[in-house]
């Protein structure tokens, strides 16, 4: 290409119009790979080392809590005579005699409690109970809170005003007092119901634990409802919601298919952060004696039983306390990672 000094026009050579080579074409490609919402979120989550370590810790705890007890040689409720208050990795005199006789005896990894029950299996079962209660309670909160908040925001006006004032009133109810009252009020009816064929599980689970679930269903969903309401208030003015109304879609379908579906990222993050809160509440209530029924263990009840022997057997308190802290911390860090990965406002 040469310039004409008189006309100031550029003179083009035929070589300038040759087809581009494959290498030149590849150099011009600067488009980013097209990815969906979930794929992009998972890719961002994998880059968060803290969240991934927390996910690994939660997975290991779940394996120890749900799978290892299947193969563990001891039961959480079996009392071994002569094996009371054993230290970790020790044997009782009878077990030593069995070992001397050539019999294989599995050691008590974390020792035993004052009743001779293996503490490792009780800790595993306590973790299982705490995780199950936390997950079920969070599922109840998610179901009630998301539906309630979506209905209030979608209809708006007087409906929204009345429903949210109910939420404000529920916030003022003392949950611990309600759990205590429900434990006494439901004890008779639930004990009678447990005698009915098919409802024997009530006696196994315990009235206190059922009252905890009822309190979660009555009180703890209000935070979820407020969060969903704020999301739906922004989404209900979207074009796709207007189009769905124009096509004659029912209100229930719009809430289910269009509004709640587009809140799924926020719901996952909020649910993940709600699980440790539910586990802590259950552990706290079990520590006060308002949790699972004996002999079922919970991390809170194990810590409560170990308080009296803190000076003599401190490890009995340290193990459940560390597990509670580890579970809550891991879920919180994982929830923070999910928020960073799936919140569109935090994307670069």
Protein backbone atom coordinates (compact mmCIF):
# COMPACT_ATOMS: atom_id res chain seq x y z
CA UNK A 1 0.00 0.00 0.00
CA UNK A 2 1.49 3.37 -1.14
CA UNK A 3 0.30 6.96 -0.69
CA UNK A 4 -0.14 9.32 -3.67
CA UNK A 5 1.59 12.61 -2.62
CA UNK A 6 -0.55 14.67 -5.01
CA UNK A 7 -4.10 13.38 -4.38
CA UNK A 8 -3.37 12.17 -0.83
CA UNK A 9 -5.17 8.95 -1.81
CA UNK A 10 -3.95 5.51 -0.82
CA UNK A 11 -3.03 3.16 -3.59
CA UNK A 12 -3.81 -0.49 -2.82
CA UNK A 13 -1.82 -3.41 -4.13
CA UNK A 14 -3.56 -6.66 -5.21
CA UNK A 15 -1.52 -8.57 -2.62
CA UNK A 16 -3.41 -6.77 0.14
CA UNK A 17 -6.60 -8.59 -0.81
CA UNK A 18 -5.30 -12.15 -0.56
CA UNK A 19 -7.43 -14.56 1.59
CA UNK A 20 -6.37 -14.74 5.22
CA UNK A 21 -4.47 -17.78 6.38
CA UNK A 22 -5.85 -20.16 9.04
CA UNK A 23 -3.38 -18.76 11.56
CA UNK A 24 -4.55 -15.20 10.91
CA UNK A 25 -8.18 -16.29 11.33
CA UNK A 26 -7.47 -17.92 14.69
CA UNK A 27 -5.68 -14.78 15.87
CA UNK A 28 -8.83 -12.74 15.18
CA UNK A 29 -11.05 -14.99 17.30
CA UNK A 30 -11.45 -13.23 20.65
CA UNK A 31 -14.89 -14.48 21.63
CA UNK A 32 -15.39 -16.05 25.05
CA UNK A 33 -16.81 -19.56 25.25
CA UNK A 34 -20.57 -19.44 25.74
CA UNK A 35 -21.55 -21.04 29.07
CA UNK A 36 -24.82 -21.36 30.94
CA UNK A 37 -25.68 -20.07 34.39
CA UNK A 38 -24.95 -23.32 36.24
CA UNK A 39 -21.78 -24.16 34.33
CA UNK A 40 -20.40 -20.69 34.86
CA UNK A 41 -21.30 -20.77 38.56
CA UNK A 42 -19.69 -24.18 39.10
CA UNK A 43 -16.55 -23.06 37.27
CA UNK A 44 -16.31 -19.97 39.48
CA UNK A 45 -16.93 -22.10 42.59
CA UNK A 46 -14.07 -24.45 41.66
CA UNK A 47 -11.70 -21.48 41.62
CA UNK A 48 -12.60 -20.69 45.24
CA UNK A 49 -10.13 -22.83 47.20
CA UNK A 50 -11.70 -22.10 50.59
CA UNK A 51 -15.16 -23.19 49.39
CA UNK A 52 -13.79 -26.36 47.81
CA UNK A 53 -11.89 -27.31 50.98
CA UNK A 54 -15.11 -26.73 52.96
CA UNK A 55 -17.01 -28.96 50.53
CA UNK A 56 -14.42 -31.71 51.00
CA UNK A 57 -14.67 -31.38 54.81
CA UNK A 58 -18.49 -31.60 54.67
CA UNK A 59 -18.26 -34.65 52.39
CA UNK A 60 -15.83 -36.39 54.75
CA UNK A 61 -18.03 -35.66 57.78
CA UNK A 62 -21.07 -37.06 55.95
CA UNK A 63 -19.14 -40.21 55.00
CA UNK A 64 -18.04 -40.68 58.61
CA UNK A 65 -21.58 -40.00 59.89
CA UNK A 66 -23.64 -42.05 57.43
CA UNK A 67 -21.39 -44.77 55.96
CA UNK A 68 -18.74 -45.67 58.56
CA UNK A 69 -21.31 -46.64 61.29
CA UNK A 70 -22.59 -49.39 58.96
CA UNK A 71 -19.25 -51.21 59.24
CA UNK A 72 -18.29 -50.08 62.76
CA UNK A 73 -18.21 -53.03 65.21
CA UNK A 74 -19.89 -51.17 68.09
CA UNK A 75 -23.40 -49.76 68.51
CA UNK A 76 -24.15 -46.30 69.87
CA UNK A 77 -26.53 -47.72 72.52
CA UNK A 78 -24.65 -50.86 73.58
CA UNK A 79 -23.22 -50.68 77.11
CA UNK A 80 -20.06 -52.73 77.53
CA UNK A 81 -19.69 -53.85 81.15
CA UNK A 82 -16.27 -53.14 82.60
CA UNK A 83 -15.44 -50.59 79.89
CA UNK A 84 -16.66 -47.43 81.59
CA UNK A 85 -14.67 -44.20 81.11
CA UNK A 86 -11.92 -45.72 79.00
CA UNK A 87 -9.39 -43.36 77.48
CA UNK A 88 -8.89 -43.25 73.69
CA UNK A 89 -7.30 -46.35 72.11
CA UNK A 90 -7.43 -48.39 75.33
CA UNK A 91 -9.05 -51.69 76.32
CA UNK A 92 -10.86 -52.89 79.42
CA UNK A 93 -9.52 -55.79 81.48
CA UNK A 94 -12.00 -58.23 79.92
CA UNK A 95 -11.06 -57.08 76.44
CA UNK A 96 -7.36 -57.54 77.25
CA UNK A 97 -8.14 -61.10 78.37
CA UNK A 98 -9.92 -61.72 75.08
CA UNK A 99 -6.92 -60.36 73.18
CA UNK A 100 -4.57 -62.61 75.16
CA UNK A 101 -6.80 -65.54 74.25
CA UNK A 102 -6.17 -64.78 70.57
CA UNK A 103 -9.42 -62.95 69.85
CA UNK A 104 -9.38 -59.76 67.81
CA UNK A 105 -10.94 -56.81 69.61
CA UNK A 106 -11.47 -53.48 67.89
CA UNK A 107 -10.09 -50.59 69.99
CA UNK A 108 -12.21 -47.77 71.34
CA UNK A 109 -10.80 -44.98 69.17
CA UNK A 110 -12.21 -42.15 71.30
CA UNK A 111 -12.64 -44.16 74.48
CA UNK A 112 -15.97 -44.79 76.19
CA UNK A 113 -18.43 -42.78 78.27
CA UNK A 114 -19.52 -43.36 81.86
CA UNK A 115 -21.94 -46.10 80.78
CA UNK A 116 -19.35 -48.03 78.78
CA UNK A 117 -20.64 -46.99 75.35
CA UNK A 118 -18.09 -46.51 72.59
CA UNK A 119 -17.68 -42.75 72.19
CA UNK A 120 -16.54 -42.80 68.55
CA UNK A 121 -19.77 -44.39 67.29
CA UNK A 122 -21.83 -42.09 69.50
CA UNK A 123 -20.02 -39.10 68.00
CA UNK A 124 -20.68 -40.42 64.49
CA UNK A 125 -24.36 -40.92 65.25
CA UNK A 126 -24.53 -37.53 66.95
CA UNK A 127 -23.13 -35.91 63.81
CA UNK A 128 -25.68 -37.82 61.73
CA UNK A 129 -28.59 -36.68 63.89
CA UNK A 130 -27.42 -33.06 63.87
CA UNK A 131 -26.95 -33.08 60.08
CA UNK A 132 -30.33 -34.73 59.47
CA UNK A 133 -32.12 -32.28 61.76
CA UNK A 134 -30.32 -29.33 60.16
CA UNK A 135 -31.11 -30.44 56.62
CA UNK A 136 -34.77 -31.34 57.32
CA UNK A 137 -35.35 -28.13 59.26
CA UNK A 138 -33.78 -26.11 56.44
CA UNK A 139 -35.98 -27.90 53.89
CA UNK A 140 -39.06 -26.94 55.93
CA UNK A 141 -37.86 -23.33 56.10
CA UNK A 142 -37.16 -23.28 52.35
CA UNK A 143 -40.57 -24.71 51.42
CA UNK A 144 -42.67 -22.46 53.65
CA UNK A 145 -40.59 -19.31 53.31
CA UNK A 146 -40.20 -19.38 49.53
CA UNK A 147 -43.91 -19.99 48.88
CA UNK A 148 -45.04 -17.42 51.44
CA UNK A 149 -42.62 -14.71 50.26
CA UNK A 150 -43.38 -15.31 46.57
CA UNK A 151 -47.16 -15.06 47.11
CA UNK A 152 -46.83 -11.86 49.13
CA UNK A 153 -44.64 -10.16 46.52
CA UNK A 154 -46.59 -11.39 43.48
CA UNK A 155 -50.02 -10.17 44.60
CA UNK A 156 -48.71 -7.06 46.38
CA UNK A 157 -51.02 -4.39 47.74
CA UNK A 158 -53.12 -5.28 50.75
CA UNK A 159 -52.17 -8.96 50.50
CA UNK A 160 -48.48 -8.12 50.78
CA UNK A 161 -49.13 -5.66 53.62
CA UNK A 162 -51.08 -8.16 55.74
CA UNK A 163 -48.72 -11.09 55.08
CA UNK A 164 -45.59 -9.11 55.93
CA UNK A 165 -47.15 -7.72 59.13
CA UNK A 166 -47.70 -11.34 60.15
CA UNK A 167 -43.99 -11.90 59.53
CA UNK A 168 -43.14 -8.94 61.76
CA UNK A 169 -45.30 -10.37 64.55
CA UNK A 170 -43.67 -13.81 64.27
CA UNK A 171 -40.25 -12.19 64.64
CA UNK A 172 -41.24 -11.14 68.17
CA UNK A 173 -42.14 -14.66 69.37
CA UNK A 174 -39.45 -16.17 71.69
CA UNK A 175 -38.55 -19.48 70.06
CA UNK A 176 -37.00 -21.19 73.11
CA UNK A 177 -40.11 -20.53 75.21
CA UNK A 178 -42.32 -21.87 72.44
CA UNK A 179 -40.24 -25.06 72.19
CA UNK A 180 -40.57 -25.66 75.94
CA UNK A 181 -44.33 -25.06 75.83
CA UNK A 182 -44.78 -27.31 72.80
CA UNK A 183 -42.72 -30.07 74.44
CA UNK A 184 -45.20 -30.17 77.33
CA UNK A 185 -48.31 -29.58 75.22
CA UNK A 186 -47.49 -32.23 72.60
CA UNK A 187 -46.14 -34.87 74.96
CA UNK A 188 -49.51 -36.49 75.69
CA UNK A 189 -50.98 -36.45 72.15
CA UNK A 190 -47.73 -37.64 70.54
CA UNK A 191 -47.24 -40.44 73.06
CA UNK A 192 -50.78 -41.60 72.34
CA UNK A 193 -50.16 -41.36 68.60
CA UNK A 194 -46.96 -43.40 68.92
CA UNK A 195 -49.05 -46.38 70.09
CA UNK A 196 -50.92 -46.38 66.77
CA UNK A 197 -49.49 -48.88 64.25
CA UNK A 198 -47.23 -47.10 61.79
CA UNK A 199 -46.39 -44.24 64.17
CA UNK A 200 -43.89 -46.00 66.42
CA UNK A 201 -41.14 -43.79 64.99
CA UNK A 202 -42.49 -40.95 67.15
CA UNK A 203 -41.27 -42.67 70.29
CA UNK A 204 -37.85 -43.29 68.68
CA UNK A 205 -37.42 -39.71 67.47
CA UNK A 206 -38.79 -38.12 70.62
CA UNK A 207 -41.37 -35.48 71.40
CA UNK A 208 -38.74 -32.79 71.91
CA UNK A 209 -37.29 -33.28 68.44
CA UNK A 210 -40.71 -33.18 66.82
CA UNK A 211 -41.46 -29.97 68.68
CA UNK A 212 -38.22 -28.51 67.27
CA UNK A 213 -39.41 -29.28 63.73
CA UNK A 214 -42.79 -27.71 64.50
CA UNK A 215 -41.10 -24.56 65.82
CA UNK A 216 -38.95 -24.34 62.70
CA UNK A 217 -42.12 -24.63 60.62
CA UNK A 218 -43.84 -21.93 62.71
CA UNK A 219 -41.04 -19.40 63.26
CA UNK A 220 -37.79 -19.76 61.38
CA UNK A 221 -39.07 -19.38 57.81
CA UNK A 222 -39.64 -15.63 58.12
CA UNK A 223 -36.09 -14.71 57.06
CA UNK A 224 -36.41 -16.86 53.94
CA UNK A 225 -39.78 -15.28 53.18
CA UNK A 226 -38.33 -11.77 53.30
CA UNK A 227 -35.45 -12.72 51.03
CA UNK A 228 -37.71 -14.37 48.43
CA UNK A 229 -40.13 -11.44 48.57
CA UNK A 230 -37.37 -8.96 47.72
CA UNK A 231 -36.29 -11.09 44.76
CA UNK A 232 -39.81 -11.60 43.41
CA UNK A 233 -40.59 -7.87 43.68
CA UNK A 234 -37.79 -7.25 41.18
CA UNK A 235 -38.63 -10.17 38.90
CA UNK A 236 -42.42 -9.80 38.62
CA UNK A 237 -42.08 -6.71 36.40
CA UNK A 238 -39.96 -8.61 33.87
CA UNK A 239 -41.09 -9.05 30.27
CA UNK A 240 -41.34 -12.83 30.48
CA UNK A 241 -43.78 -12.54 33.41
CA UNK A 242 -45.90 -10.07 31.42
CA UNK A 243 -45.82 -12.45 28.44
CA UNK A 244 -46.87 -15.37 30.64
CA UNK A 245 -49.84 -13.35 31.93
CA UNK A 246 -50.80 -12.40 28.36
CA UNK A 247 -50.74 -16.07 27.34
CA UNK A 248 -53.16 -16.89 30.15
CA UNK A 249 -50.81 -18.66 32.54
CA UNK A 250 -52.21 -19.13 36.03
CA UNK A 251 -50.75 -17.28 38.99
CA UNK A 252 -49.54 -20.54 40.51
CA UNK A 253 -47.68 -21.45 37.32
CA UNK A 254 -46.09 -18.02 37.04
CA UNK A 255 -44.88 -18.18 40.64
CA UNK A 256 -43.58 -21.74 40.28
CA UNK A 257 -42.15 -21.76 36.75
CA UNK A 258 -41.02 -18.17 36.25
CA UNK A 259 -40.45 -16.41 39.57
CA UNK A 260 -39.14 -19.08 41.94
CA UNK A 261 -37.16 -20.74 39.14
CA UNK A 262 -35.29 -17.49 38.51
CA UNK A 263 -34.58 -17.19 42.25
CA UNK A 264 -32.97 -20.63 42.39
CA UNK A 265 -29.40 -19.31 42.68
CA UNK A 266 -30.27 -17.09 45.63
CA UNK A 267 -32.32 -19.89 47.21
CA UNK A 268 -29.38 -22.30 47.04
CA UNK A 269 -27.05 -19.81 48.68
CA UNK A 270 -29.54 -18.89 51.42
CA UNK A 271 -30.37 -22.54 52.07
CA UNK A 272 -26.70 -23.44 52.42
CA UNK A 273 -26.23 -20.64 54.95
CA UNK A 274 -29.40 -21.71 56.81
CA UNK A 275 -28.18 -25.27 57.42
CA UNK A 276 -25.45 -24.33 59.96
CA UNK A 277 -27.91 -22.04 61.74
CA UNK A 278 -30.37 -24.94 62.08
CA UNK A 279 -27.63 -27.30 63.27
CA UNK A 280 -26.51 -24.78 65.89
CA UNK A 281 -30.08 -24.29 67.11
CA UNK A 282 -30.61 -28.04 67.40
CA UNK A 283 -27.28 -28.52 69.21
CA UNK A 284 -28.09 -25.69 71.60
CA UNK A 285 -31.52 -27.14 72.41
CA UNK A 286 -30.05 -30.64 72.83
CA UNK A 287 -27.47 -29.16 75.18
CA UNK A 288 -30.37 -27.84 77.29
CA UNK A 289 -32.05 -31.24 77.23
CA UNK A 290 -34.75 -30.30 74.73
CA UNK A 291 -33.40 -32.30 71.79
CA UNK A 292 -33.37 -35.96 70.80
CA UNK A 293 -34.60 -38.65 73.16
CA UNK A 294 -32.23 -40.97 75.01
CA UNK A 295 -30.38 -43.10 73.92
CA UNK A 296 -30.15 -41.27 70.57
CA UNK A 297 -27.11 -38.99 70.70
CA UNK A 298 -26.73 -35.50 69.30
CA UNK A 299 -23.61 -33.36 69.29
CA UNK A 300 -25.33 -30.98 71.70
CA UNK A 301 -26.43 -33.73 74.08
CA UNK A 302 -22.95 -35.30 73.98
CA UNK A 303 -21.44 -31.97 74.98
CA UNK A 304 -24.01 -31.57 77.74
CA UNK A 305 -23.23 -35.03 79.17
CA UNK A 306 -19.48 -34.30 79.06
CA UNK A 307 -19.70 -31.03 81.00
CA UNK A 308 -19.82 -32.75 84.39
CA UNK A 309 -16.60 -34.67 83.72
CA UNK A 310 -14.69 -31.81 82.14
CA UNK A 311 -11.82 -31.94 84.64
CA UNK A 312 -11.41 -35.71 84.45
CA UNK A 313 -12.35 -36.54 80.85
CA UNK A 314 -11.99 -33.29 78.84
CA UNK A 315 -11.76 -35.07 75.46
CA UNK A 316 -15.41 -36.11 75.82
CA UNK A 317 -16.33 -32.43 75.50
CA UNK A 318 -13.69 -31.41 72.98
CA UNK A 319 -14.72 -33.95 70.32
CA UNK A 320 -18.39 -32.91 69.87
CA UNK A 321 -17.53 -29.23 70.34
CA UNK A 322 -14.89 -29.35 67.60
CA UNK A 323 -17.27 -31.22 65.30
CA UNK A 324 -20.04 -28.66 65.80
CA UNK A 325 -17.63 -25.82 65.08
CA UNK A 326 -16.18 -27.58 62.04
CA UNK A 327 -19.59 -28.34 60.53
CA UNK A 328 -20.91 -24.83 61.06
CA UNK A 329 -17.72 -23.19 59.78
CA UNK A 330 -17.57 -25.42 56.69
CA UNK A 331 -21.20 -24.75 55.73
CA UNK A 332 -20.74 -21.00 56.24
CA UNK A 333 -17.62 -20.90 54.08
CA UNK A 334 -19.30 -23.02 51.42
CA UNK A 335 -22.31 -20.70 51.47
CA UNK A 336 -20.02 -17.69 51.00
CA UNK A 337 -18.40 -19.45 48.06
CA UNK A 338 -21.77 -20.25 46.48
CA UNK A 339 -22.83 -16.63 46.92
CA UNK A 340 -19.67 -15.41 45.18
CA UNK A 341 -20.15 -17.95 42.37
CA UNK A 342 -23.87 -17.58 41.65
CA UNK A 343 -24.64 -13.95 42.54
CA UNK A 344 -24.70 -12.01 39.22
CA UNK A 345 -23.84 -8.76 41.03
CA UNK A 346 -20.49 -10.18 42.12
CA UNK A 347 -19.41 -11.34 38.67
CA UNK A 348 -16.55 -9.53 36.98
